[in-house]
């Protein structure tokens, strides 16, 4: 599903974040969004998901998004497997969720409460949850925060192998670590 952003503008008080921003995300595209802090990367993602109304402009309607936020937003007392089952309303089975997660996490961590996992492991659970959810487009806001370089590359490989042809838009300050991957780089 193609995503159109037309003449999008947003300000916080007197601070203009972006003005008359146009962008087309082709169906199945792989996009990286980079810009200095405060330029509107998170704001753009929040507008796409409907969490924030733009001052002007439009975005495509009817797009189903799944997301990784800057904070993981996990259920701390529930296991990594439970996090995935939560986003699909129980439509998928526990074994399939565990197999999926085993591509990112050690087997012994899949069933313990995520509140007991390291920050990097929690981050990978949040990424897996966004990929597991049914969506047309996966949005990721600084998804690699807290990951060392080797884990970052393992995680990017997992994302690319499991996005199932969906459009992917991620914002990052770590573009230099992702140059080897086939992202189309955008800026605001």
N, C-alpha and C. Protein backbone atom coordinates (compact mmCIF):
# COMPACT_ATOMS: atom_id res chain seq x y z
N UNK A 1 0.84 -1.17 0.00
CA UNK A 1 0.00 0.00 0.00
C UNK A 1 0.89 1.24 0.00
N UNK A 2 0.74 2.08 -1.00
CA UNK A 2 1.50 3.33 -1.08
C UNK A 2 1.01 4.31 -0.01
N UNK A 3 1.93 5.01 0.61
CA UNK A 3 1.59 5.99 1.64
C UNK A 3 1.98 7.37 1.13
N UNK A 4 0.99 8.25 1.08
CA UNK A 4 1.19 9.62 0.59
C UNK A 4 1.17 10.60 1.75
N UNK A 5 2.14 11.47 1.79
CA UNK A 5 2.19 12.58 2.75
C UNK A 5 2.24 13.84 1.90
N UNK A 6 1.24 14.69 2.06
CA UNK A 6 1.13 15.87 1.20
C UNK A 6 1.01 17.15 2.00
N UNK A 7 1.94 18.06 1.74
CA UNK A 7 1.93 19.41 2.31
C UNK A 7 1.77 19.41 3.83
N UNK A 8 2.43 18.46 4.48
CA UNK A 8 2.32 18.29 5.92
C UNK A 8 3.10 19.38 6.65
N UNK A 9 2.45 20.01 7.60
CA UNK A 9 3.09 21.05 8.42
C UNK A 9 2.75 20.80 9.88
N UNK A 10 3.73 21.07 10.74
CA UNK A 10 3.48 20.97 12.18
C UNK A 10 4.43 21.88 12.93
N UNK A 11 3.88 22.52 13.95
CA UNK A 11 4.64 23.41 14.84
C UNK A 11 4.29 23.08 16.27
N UNK A 12 5.21 23.36 17.15
CA UNK A 12 4.96 23.35 18.59
C UNK A 12 5.14 24.78 19.05
N UNK A 13 4.02 25.46 19.27
CA UNK A 13 4.09 26.88 19.60
C UNK A 13 4.67 27.65 18.43
N UNK A 14 5.70 28.43 18.70
CA UNK A 14 6.35 29.21 17.64
C UNK A 14 7.41 28.42 16.87
N UNK A 15 7.71 27.21 17.34
CA UNK A 15 8.76 26.42 16.70
C UNK A 15 8.17 25.58 15.57
N UNK A 16 8.55 25.91 14.34
CA UNK A 16 8.11 25.16 13.16
C UNK A 16 8.98 23.90 13.07
N UNK A 17 8.33 22.75 13.08
CA UNK A 17 9.04 21.48 12.98
C UNK A 17 9.28 21.13 11.51
N UNK A 18 8.23 21.14 10.72
CA UNK A 18 8.35 21.03 9.27
C UNK A 18 7.17 21.73 8.64
N UNK A 19 7.37 22.11 7.38
CA UNK A 19 6.35 22.90 6.69
C UNK A 19 6.22 22.43 5.25
N UNK A 20 5.00 22.14 4.83
CA UNK A 20 4.70 21.72 3.46
C UNK A 20 5.55 20.52 3.03
N UNK A 21 5.65 19.53 3.93
CA UNK A 21 6.49 18.35 3.68
C UNK A 21 5.72 17.36 2.83
N UNK A 22 6.32 16.91 1.74
CA UNK A 22 5.75 15.92 0.84
C UNK A 22 6.64 14.69 0.82
N UNK A 23 6.00 13.53 0.80
CA UNK A 23 6.75 12.28 0.75
C UNK A 23 5.82 11.17 0.27
N UNK A 24 6.35 10.29 -0.56
CA UNK A 24 5.63 9.09 -0.98
C UNK A 24 6.46 7.89 -0.58
N UNK A 25 5.84 6.99 0.15
CA UNK A 25 6.47 5.72 0.52
C UNK A 25 5.83 4.65 -0.34
N UNK A 26 6.62 4.07 -1.22
CA UNK A 26 6.11 3.03 -2.11
C UNK A 26 5.82 1.76 -1.33
N UNK A 27 4.83 1.03 -1.76
CA UNK A 27 4.46 -0.22 -1.12
C UNK A 27 5.67 -1.16 -1.07
N UNK A 28 5.97 -1.66 0.12
CA UNK A 28 7.09 -2.57 0.29
C UNK A 28 8.44 -1.92 0.36
N UNK A 29 8.48 -0.59 0.35
CA UNK A 29 9.75 0.13 0.38
C UNK A 29 10.46 0.02 1.72
N UNK A 30 11.74 0.22 1.69
CA UNK A 30 12.60 0.15 2.86
C UNK A 30 13.24 1.53 3.03
N UNK A 31 12.80 2.27 4.04
CA UNK A 31 13.20 3.66 4.19
C UNK A 31 13.85 3.94 5.54
N UNK A 32 14.88 4.74 5.49
CA UNK A 32 15.53 5.24 6.69
C UNK A 32 15.37 6.74 6.74
N UNK A 33 14.99 7.26 7.87
CA UNK A 33 14.76 8.70 8.05
C UNK A 33 15.81 9.21 9.01
N UNK A 34 16.56 10.20 8.56
CA UNK A 34 17.60 10.75 9.39
C UNK A 34 17.54 12.28 9.34
N UNK A 35 17.80 12.87 10.47
CA UNK A 35 17.83 14.33 10.59
C UNK A 35 18.36 14.63 11.99
N UNK A 36 18.87 15.83 12.20
CA UNK A 36 19.30 16.19 13.55
C UNK A 36 18.13 16.14 14.54
N UNK A 37 18.45 16.00 15.81
CA UNK A 37 17.41 16.00 16.85
C UNK A 37 16.57 17.26 16.75
N UNK A 38 15.27 17.08 16.97
CA UNK A 38 14.36 18.22 16.96
C UNK A 38 13.83 18.61 15.60
N UNK A 39 14.18 17.86 14.56
CA UNK A 39 13.75 18.21 13.20
C UNK A 39 12.43 17.57 12.80
N UNK A 40 11.88 16.67 13.64
CA UNK A 40 10.54 16.18 13.36
C UNK A 40 10.40 14.71 13.01
N UNK A 41 11.42 13.91 13.21
CA UNK A 41 11.31 12.49 12.87
C UNK A 41 10.20 11.82 13.68
N UNK A 42 10.26 11.96 14.99
CA UNK A 42 9.23 11.35 15.86
C UNK A 42 7.88 11.98 15.60
N UNK A 43 7.84 13.27 15.40
CA UNK A 43 6.58 13.97 15.12
C UNK A 43 5.93 13.41 13.86
N UNK A 44 6.71 13.19 12.82
CA UNK A 44 6.17 12.63 11.58
C UNK A 44 5.58 11.25 11.83
N UNK A 45 6.29 10.40 12.57
CA UNK A 45 5.78 9.06 12.84
C UNK A 45 4.51 9.11 13.67
N UNK A 46 4.46 10.01 14.64
CA UNK A 46 3.26 10.14 15.47
C UNK A 46 2.07 10.63 14.64
N UNK A 47 2.31 11.51 13.68
CA UNK A 47 1.23 11.97 12.81
C UNK A 47 0.73 10.80 11.94
N UNK A 48 1.67 10.03 11.37
CA UNK A 48 1.26 8.89 10.53
C UNK A 48 0.37 7.92 11.30
N UNK A 49 0.72 7.67 12.57
CA UNK A 49 -0.06 6.72 13.38
C UNK A 49 -1.35 7.32 13.93
N UNK A 50 -1.55 8.61 13.75
CA UNK A 50 -2.77 9.25 14.23
C UNK A 50 -2.72 9.68 15.69
N UNK A 51 -1.53 9.68 16.30
CA UNK A 51 -1.37 10.11 17.69
C UNK A 51 -1.26 11.61 17.81
N UNK A 52 -1.02 12.28 16.71
CA UNK A 52 -0.84 13.72 16.69
C UNK A 52 -1.45 14.25 15.40
N UNK A 53 -2.22 15.30 15.51
CA UNK A 53 -2.83 15.90 14.32
C UNK A 53 -1.87 16.93 13.72
N UNK A 54 -1.71 16.92 12.41
CA UNK A 54 -0.86 17.94 11.79
C UNK A 54 -1.56 19.29 11.81
N UNK A 55 -0.80 20.36 11.70
CA UNK A 55 -1.38 21.69 11.56
C UNK A 55 -2.02 21.85 10.19
N UNK A 56 -1.42 21.21 9.19
CA UNK A 56 -1.94 21.26 7.82
C UNK A 56 -1.41 20.05 7.08
N UNK A 57 -2.08 19.73 5.97
CA UNK A 57 -1.63 18.64 5.14
C UNK A 57 -2.39 17.35 5.41
N UNK A 58 -2.05 16.33 4.62
CA UNK A 58 -2.75 15.06 4.72
C UNK A 58 -1.78 13.88 4.65
N UNK A 59 -2.24 12.76 5.18
CA UNK A 59 -1.53 11.49 5.02
C UNK A 59 -2.55 10.45 4.56
N UNK A 60 -2.08 9.40 3.94
CA UNK A 60 -2.97 8.34 3.47
C UNK A 60 -3.77 7.78 4.63
N UNK A 61 -5.02 7.51 4.36
CA UNK A 61 -5.91 6.94 5.36
C UNK A 61 -6.04 5.44 5.14
N UNK A 62 -6.43 4.73 6.19
CA UNK A 62 -6.68 3.30 6.08
C UNK A 62 -5.43 2.44 6.15
N UNK A 63 -4.29 3.03 6.46
CA UNK A 63 -3.05 2.27 6.58
C UNK A 63 -2.98 1.69 7.99
N UNK A 64 -2.70 0.39 8.09
CA UNK A 64 -2.52 -0.25 9.39
C UNK A 64 -1.03 -0.21 9.74
N UNK A 65 -0.71 0.45 10.84
CA UNK A 65 0.68 0.59 11.27
C UNK A 65 0.95 -0.29 12.49
N UNK A 66 2.16 -0.82 12.55
CA UNK A 66 2.70 -1.36 13.78
C UNK A 66 3.96 -0.53 14.05
N UNK A 67 4.38 -0.48 15.32
CA UNK A 67 5.45 0.46 15.62
C UNK A 67 6.35 0.01 16.75
N UNK A 68 7.58 0.51 16.67
CA UNK A 68 8.53 0.49 17.77
C UNK A 68 8.71 1.95 18.16
N UNK A 69 8.43 2.25 19.41
CA UNK A 69 8.55 3.62 19.90
C UNK A 69 9.93 3.83 20.52
N UNK A 70 10.27 5.07 20.85
CA UNK A 70 11.55 5.32 21.51
C UNK A 70 11.63 4.64 22.87
N UNK A 71 10.50 4.50 23.53
CA UNK A 71 10.43 3.69 24.74
C UNK A 71 9.72 2.39 24.36
N UNK A 72 10.09 1.30 24.98
CA UNK A 72 9.63 -0.01 24.53
C UNK A 72 8.14 -0.29 24.74
N UNK A 73 7.53 0.31 25.74
CA UNK A 73 6.10 0.14 26.00
C UNK A 73 5.68 -1.33 26.11
N UNK A 74 6.45 -2.07 26.86
CA UNK A 74 6.16 -3.49 27.08
C UNK A 74 5.36 -3.66 28.36
N UNK A 75 4.74 -4.82 28.50
CA UNK A 75 4.02 -5.18 29.71
C UNK A 75 5.02 -5.89 30.62
N UNK A 76 5.57 -5.22 31.66
CA UNK A 76 6.73 -5.72 32.39
C UNK A 76 6.55 -7.07 33.07
N UNK A 77 5.37 -7.41 33.50
CA UNK A 77 5.16 -8.68 34.19
C UNK A 77 4.90 -9.85 33.25
N UNK A 78 4.81 -9.59 31.96
CA UNK A 78 4.50 -10.62 30.97
C UNK A 78 5.77 -11.03 30.23
N UNK A 79 5.78 -12.24 29.73
CA UNK A 79 6.95 -12.77 29.03
C UNK A 79 7.09 -12.16 27.64
N UNK A 80 8.26 -12.40 27.04
CA UNK A 80 8.49 -11.95 25.67
C UNK A 80 7.45 -12.57 24.73
N UNK A 81 7.17 -13.85 24.91
CA UNK A 81 6.16 -14.53 24.08
C UNK A 81 4.80 -13.87 24.27
N UNK A 82 4.44 -13.56 25.52
CA UNK A 82 3.15 -12.92 25.79
C UNK A 82 3.03 -11.56 25.10
N UNK A 83 4.14 -10.84 24.96
CA UNK A 83 4.11 -9.53 24.28
C UNK A 83 3.64 -9.68 22.84
N UNK A 84 4.12 -10.75 22.18
CA UNK A 84 3.72 -10.99 20.80
C UNK A 84 2.27 -11.43 20.71
N UNK A 85 1.86 -12.32 21.61
CA UNK A 85 0.48 -12.80 21.58
C UNK A 85 -0.50 -11.67 21.87
N UNK A 86 -0.10 -10.71 22.68
CA UNK A 86 -0.95 -9.57 23.03
C UNK A 86 -1.32 -8.76 21.78
N UNK A 87 -0.35 -8.51 20.88
CA UNK A 87 -0.63 -7.67 19.72
C UNK A 87 -1.43 -8.36 18.64
N UNK A 88 -1.55 -9.68 18.72
CA UNK A 88 -2.35 -10.37 17.70
C UNK A 88 -3.65 -10.89 18.29
N UNK A 89 -3.96 -10.50 19.51
CA UNK A 89 -5.22 -10.90 20.12
C UNK A 89 -5.38 -12.39 20.26
N UNK A 90 -4.26 -13.11 20.40
CA UNK A 90 -4.31 -14.56 20.57
C UNK A 90 -4.58 -15.32 19.29
N UNK A 91 -4.52 -14.64 18.13
CA UNK A 91 -4.80 -15.31 16.85
C UNK A 91 -3.69 -16.25 16.43
N UNK A 92 -2.51 -16.08 17.00
CA UNK A 92 -1.38 -16.94 16.66
C UNK A 92 -1.00 -17.74 17.89
N UNK A 93 -0.30 -18.84 17.68
CA UNK A 93 -0.04 -19.70 18.83
C UNK A 93 1.30 -19.40 19.52
N UNK A 94 1.37 -19.84 20.76
CA UNK A 94 2.53 -19.60 21.64
C UNK A 94 3.81 -20.18 21.05
N UNK A 95 3.73 -21.38 20.47
CA UNK A 95 4.92 -22.01 19.89
C UNK A 95 5.46 -21.21 18.73
N UNK A 96 4.59 -20.73 17.88
CA UNK A 96 5.02 -19.91 16.73
C UNK A 96 5.67 -18.62 17.22
N UNK A 97 5.11 -18.01 18.24
CA UNK A 97 5.69 -16.78 18.80
C UNK A 97 7.08 -17.05 19.37
N UNK A 98 7.23 -18.16 20.06
CA UNK A 98 8.54 -18.52 20.64
C UNK A 98 9.56 -18.78 19.54
N UNK A 99 9.16 -19.47 18.49
CA UNK A 99 10.08 -19.72 17.36
C UNK A 99 10.51 -18.40 16.73
N UNK A 100 9.56 -17.49 16.55
CA UNK A 100 9.85 -16.19 15.95
C UNK A 100 10.86 -15.43 16.82
N UNK A 101 10.60 -15.35 18.10
CA UNK A 101 11.49 -14.63 19.02
C UNK A 101 12.86 -15.26 19.14
N UNK A 102 12.97 -16.55 18.92
CA UNK A 102 14.27 -17.21 19.06
C UNK A 102 15.28 -16.72 18.03
N UNK A 103 14.82 -16.00 17.02
CA UNK A 103 15.73 -15.38 16.07
C UNK A 103 16.42 -14.15 16.63
N UNK A 104 15.94 -13.65 17.78
CA UNK A 104 16.52 -12.45 18.39
C UNK A 104 16.97 -12.63 19.83
N UNK A 105 16.41 -13.61 20.52
CA UNK A 105 16.67 -13.77 21.95
C UNK A 105 17.11 -15.19 22.28
N UNK A 106 17.89 -15.35 23.36
CA UNK A 106 18.23 -16.70 23.80
C UNK A 106 16.98 -17.44 24.27
N UNK A 107 16.95 -18.72 24.03
CA UNK A 107 15.80 -19.57 24.38
C UNK A 107 15.37 -19.41 25.84
N UNK A 108 16.34 -19.30 26.76
CA UNK A 108 16.00 -19.24 28.19
C UNK A 108 15.35 -17.93 28.61
N UNK A 109 15.28 -16.95 27.72
CA UNK A 109 14.68 -15.66 28.08
C UNK A 109 13.26 -15.49 27.55
N UNK A 110 12.79 -16.40 26.73
CA UNK A 110 11.51 -16.22 26.04
C UNK A 110 10.30 -16.22 26.96
N UNK A 111 10.39 -16.93 28.09
CA UNK A 111 9.22 -17.09 28.94
C UNK A 111 9.35 -16.39 30.29
N UNK A 112 10.43 -15.65 30.50
CA UNK A 112 10.54 -14.91 31.76
C UNK A 112 9.96 -13.51 31.57
N UNK A 113 9.50 -12.87 32.65
CA UNK A 113 8.92 -11.52 32.53
C UNK A 113 9.92 -10.56 31.88
N UNK A 114 9.45 -9.76 30.93
CA UNK A 114 10.36 -8.86 30.23
C UNK A 114 11.00 -7.83 31.16
N UNK A 115 10.36 -7.55 32.29
CA UNK A 115 10.94 -6.63 33.26
C UNK A 115 12.24 -7.15 33.85
N UNK A 116 12.51 -8.45 33.71
CA UNK A 116 13.74 -9.06 34.20
C UNK A 116 14.82 -9.13 33.12
N UNK A 117 14.48 -8.77 31.88
CA UNK A 117 15.45 -8.81 30.78
C UNK A 117 16.27 -7.53 30.74
N UNK A 118 17.43 -7.61 30.11
CA UNK A 118 18.27 -6.42 29.93
C UNK A 118 17.56 -5.42 29.02
N UNK A 119 18.02 -4.19 29.03
CA UNK A 119 17.43 -3.16 28.17
C UNK A 119 17.53 -3.53 26.69
N UNK A 120 18.67 -4.08 26.28
CA UNK A 120 18.82 -4.48 24.87
C UNK A 120 17.89 -5.61 24.49
N UNK A 121 17.67 -6.54 25.41
CA UNK A 121 16.74 -7.65 25.13
C UNK A 121 15.31 -7.13 25.06
N UNK A 122 14.96 -6.20 25.94
CA UNK A 122 13.62 -5.60 25.88
C UNK A 122 13.43 -4.88 24.55
N UNK A 123 14.47 -4.21 24.08
CA UNK A 123 14.37 -3.50 22.81
C UNK A 123 14.09 -4.47 21.68
N UNK A 124 14.75 -5.61 21.70
CA UNK A 124 14.53 -6.61 20.66
C UNK A 124 13.13 -7.22 20.74
N UNK A 125 12.58 -7.35 21.95
CA UNK A 125 11.20 -7.81 22.09
C UNK A 125 10.25 -6.79 21.45
N UNK A 126 10.49 -5.50 21.69
CA UNK A 126 9.64 -4.46 21.09
C UNK A 126 9.70 -4.51 19.57
N UNK A 127 10.88 -4.75 19.03
CA UNK A 127 11.05 -4.85 17.57
C UNK A 127 10.31 -6.08 17.04
N UNK A 128 10.48 -7.21 17.71
CA UNK A 128 9.80 -8.44 17.28
C UNK A 128 8.28 -8.26 17.34
N UNK A 129 7.80 -7.59 18.40
CA UNK A 129 6.36 -7.36 18.54
C UNK A 129 5.82 -6.55 17.37
N UNK A 130 6.54 -5.51 16.94
CA UNK A 130 6.10 -4.69 15.81
C UNK A 130 6.07 -5.50 14.52
N UNK A 131 7.02 -6.38 14.35
CA UNK A 131 7.05 -7.22 13.15
C UNK A 131 5.99 -8.32 13.19
N UNK A 132 5.65 -8.77 14.37
CA UNK A 132 4.66 -9.84 14.56
C UNK A 132 3.24 -9.34 14.31
N UNK A 133 2.99 -8.10 14.64
CA UNK A 133 1.64 -7.53 14.50
C UNK A 133 1.25 -7.43 13.03
N UNK A 134 -0.03 -7.59 12.77
CA UNK A 134 -0.53 -7.44 11.41
C UNK A 134 -0.56 -5.96 11.07
N UNK A 135 0.08 -5.59 9.95
CA UNK A 135 0.12 -4.19 9.55
C UNK A 135 0.48 -4.10 8.07
N UNK A 136 0.28 -2.91 7.54
CA UNK A 136 0.70 -2.60 6.17
C UNK A 136 2.09 -1.97 6.16
N UNK A 137 2.40 -1.29 7.26
CA UNK A 137 3.64 -0.54 7.37
C UNK A 137 4.18 -0.65 8.79
N UNK A 138 5.48 -0.87 8.91
CA UNK A 138 6.13 -0.94 10.21
C UNK A 138 6.93 0.35 10.39
N UNK A 139 6.63 1.08 11.46
CA UNK A 139 7.35 2.30 11.80
C UNK A 139 8.25 2.01 12.99
N UNK A 140 9.49 2.47 12.92
CA UNK A 140 10.44 2.23 14.00
C UNK A 140 11.15 3.54 14.33
N UNK A 141 10.97 3.99 15.57
CA UNK A 141 11.56 5.25 16.03
C UNK A 141 12.78 4.95 16.88
N UNK A 142 13.96 5.18 16.32
CA UNK A 142 15.23 4.89 17.00
C UNK A 142 15.24 3.45 17.54
N UNK A 143 15.03 2.47 16.68
CA UNK A 143 14.87 1.09 17.16
C UNK A 143 16.13 0.45 17.73
N UNK A 144 17.30 1.00 17.45
CA UNK A 144 18.54 0.33 17.83
C UNK A 144 19.20 0.91 19.07
N UNK A 145 18.49 1.80 19.76
CA UNK A 145 19.02 2.37 20.99
C UNK A 145 19.33 1.26 21.98
N UNK A 146 20.52 1.30 22.55
CA UNK A 146 20.91 0.32 23.56
C UNK A 146 21.48 -0.97 23.01
N UNK A 147 21.61 -1.09 21.69
CA UNK A 147 22.16 -2.31 21.10
C UNK A 147 23.61 -2.07 20.68
N UNK A 148 24.47 -3.03 21.00
CA UNK A 148 25.85 -2.92 20.53
C UNK A 148 25.86 -3.18 19.03
N UNK A 149 26.98 -2.91 18.39
CA UNK A 149 27.04 -2.98 16.93
C UNK A 149 26.72 -4.37 16.38
N UNK A 150 27.26 -5.42 17.01
CA UNK A 150 26.99 -6.78 16.53
C UNK A 150 25.50 -7.13 16.67
N UNK A 151 24.90 -6.76 17.79
CA UNK A 151 23.47 -7.03 18.01
C UNK A 151 22.62 -6.19 17.07
N UNK A 152 23.05 -4.97 16.80
CA UNK A 152 22.34 -4.11 15.85
C UNK A 152 22.27 -4.80 14.49
N UNK A 153 23.39 -5.31 14.01
CA UNK A 153 23.41 -5.96 12.69
C UNK A 153 22.57 -7.24 12.69
N UNK A 154 22.63 -8.02 13.76
CA UNK A 154 21.78 -9.22 13.87
C UNK A 154 20.30 -8.80 13.82
N UNK A 155 19.98 -7.70 14.50
CA UNK A 155 18.60 -7.24 14.57
C UNK A 155 18.13 -6.71 13.21
N UNK A 156 18.97 -5.95 12.51
CA UNK A 156 18.60 -5.47 11.17
C UNK A 156 18.36 -6.65 10.24
N UNK A 157 19.23 -7.64 10.30
CA UNK A 157 19.03 -8.83 9.46
C UNK A 157 17.70 -9.51 9.77
N UNK A 158 17.35 -9.59 11.06
CA UNK A 158 16.08 -10.17 11.48
C UNK A 158 14.91 -9.35 10.93
N UNK A 159 15.00 -8.03 11.04
CA UNK A 159 13.94 -7.14 10.54
C UNK A 159 13.74 -7.36 9.04
N UNK A 160 14.83 -7.35 8.29
CA UNK A 160 14.72 -7.50 6.83
C UNK A 160 14.16 -8.86 6.45
N UNK A 161 14.52 -9.90 7.20
CA UNK A 161 14.03 -11.24 6.90
C UNK A 161 12.57 -11.44 7.29
N UNK A 162 12.05 -10.58 8.19
CA UNK A 162 10.70 -10.82 8.73
C UNK A 162 9.71 -9.69 8.49
N UNK A 163 10.03 -8.76 7.63
CA UNK A 163 9.07 -7.67 7.39
C UNK A 163 7.97 -8.08 6.41
N UNK A 164 8.11 -9.22 5.77
CA UNK A 164 7.08 -9.82 4.91
C UNK A 164 6.59 -8.87 3.82
N UNK A 165 7.52 -8.15 3.22
CA UNK A 165 7.16 -7.28 2.11
C UNK A 165 6.48 -5.99 2.51
N UNK A 166 6.30 -5.77 3.81
CA UNK A 166 5.65 -4.54 4.26
C UNK A 166 6.59 -3.34 4.11
N UNK A 167 6.00 -2.19 3.96
CA UNK A 167 6.77 -0.95 3.96
C UNK A 167 7.39 -0.79 5.35
N UNK A 168 8.64 -0.37 5.38
CA UNK A 168 9.34 -0.14 6.64
C UNK A 168 9.93 1.26 6.62
N UNK A 169 9.62 2.03 7.65
CA UNK A 169 10.20 3.36 7.82
C UNK A 169 10.78 3.43 9.21
N UNK A 170 12.10 3.64 9.27
CA UNK A 170 12.72 3.77 10.58
C UNK A 170 13.49 5.08 10.66
N UNK A 171 13.44 5.68 11.84
CA UNK A 171 14.23 6.88 12.08
C UNK A 171 15.44 6.47 12.91
N UNK A 172 16.57 7.09 12.62
CA UNK A 172 17.78 6.71 13.34
C UNK A 172 18.82 7.82 13.30
N UNK A 173 19.66 7.81 14.32
CA UNK A 173 20.86 8.64 14.33
C UNK A 173 22.08 7.79 13.99
N UNK A 174 21.85 6.51 13.67
CA UNK A 174 22.94 5.56 13.44
C UNK A 174 23.07 5.17 11.97
N UNK A 175 22.82 6.11 11.08
CA UNK A 175 22.86 5.83 9.64
C UNK A 175 24.19 5.20 9.23
N UNK A 176 25.29 5.65 9.80
CA UNK A 176 26.61 5.14 9.40
C UNK A 176 26.74 3.63 9.63
N UNK A 177 25.99 3.08 10.59
CA UNK A 177 26.03 1.64 10.85
C UNK A 177 25.12 0.86 9.90
N UNK A 178 24.29 1.58 9.14
CA UNK A 178 23.30 0.93 8.29
C UNK A 178 23.57 1.11 6.79
N UNK A 179 24.70 1.71 6.46
CA UNK A 179 25.02 2.01 5.06
C UNK A 179 25.03 0.76 4.18
N UNK A 180 25.42 -0.38 4.72
CA UNK A 180 25.50 -1.61 3.93
C UNK A 180 24.13 -2.19 3.59
N UNK A 181 23.08 -1.67 4.21
CA UNK A 181 21.74 -2.20 3.99
C UNK A 181 21.01 -1.37 2.93
N UNK A 182 20.01 -1.96 2.26
CA UNK A 182 19.38 -1.30 1.11
C UNK A 182 18.28 -0.28 1.46
N UNK A 183 18.52 0.56 2.47
CA UNK A 183 17.56 1.59 2.82
C UNK A 183 17.63 2.74 1.82
N UNK A 184 16.49 3.30 1.50
CA UNK A 184 16.46 4.58 0.79
C UNK A 184 16.44 5.63 1.89
N UNK A 185 17.42 6.52 1.90
CA UNK A 185 17.56 7.48 2.98
C UNK A 185 16.80 8.76 2.68
N UNK A 186 16.00 9.17 3.65
CA UNK A 186 15.16 10.36 3.54
C UNK A 186 15.58 11.33 4.65
N UNK A 187 15.24 12.58 4.46
CA UNK A 187 15.45 13.55 5.55
C UNK A 187 14.26 14.49 5.59
N UNK A 188 14.15 15.14 6.71
CA UNK A 188 13.06 16.12 6.89
C UNK A 188 13.68 17.50 6.73
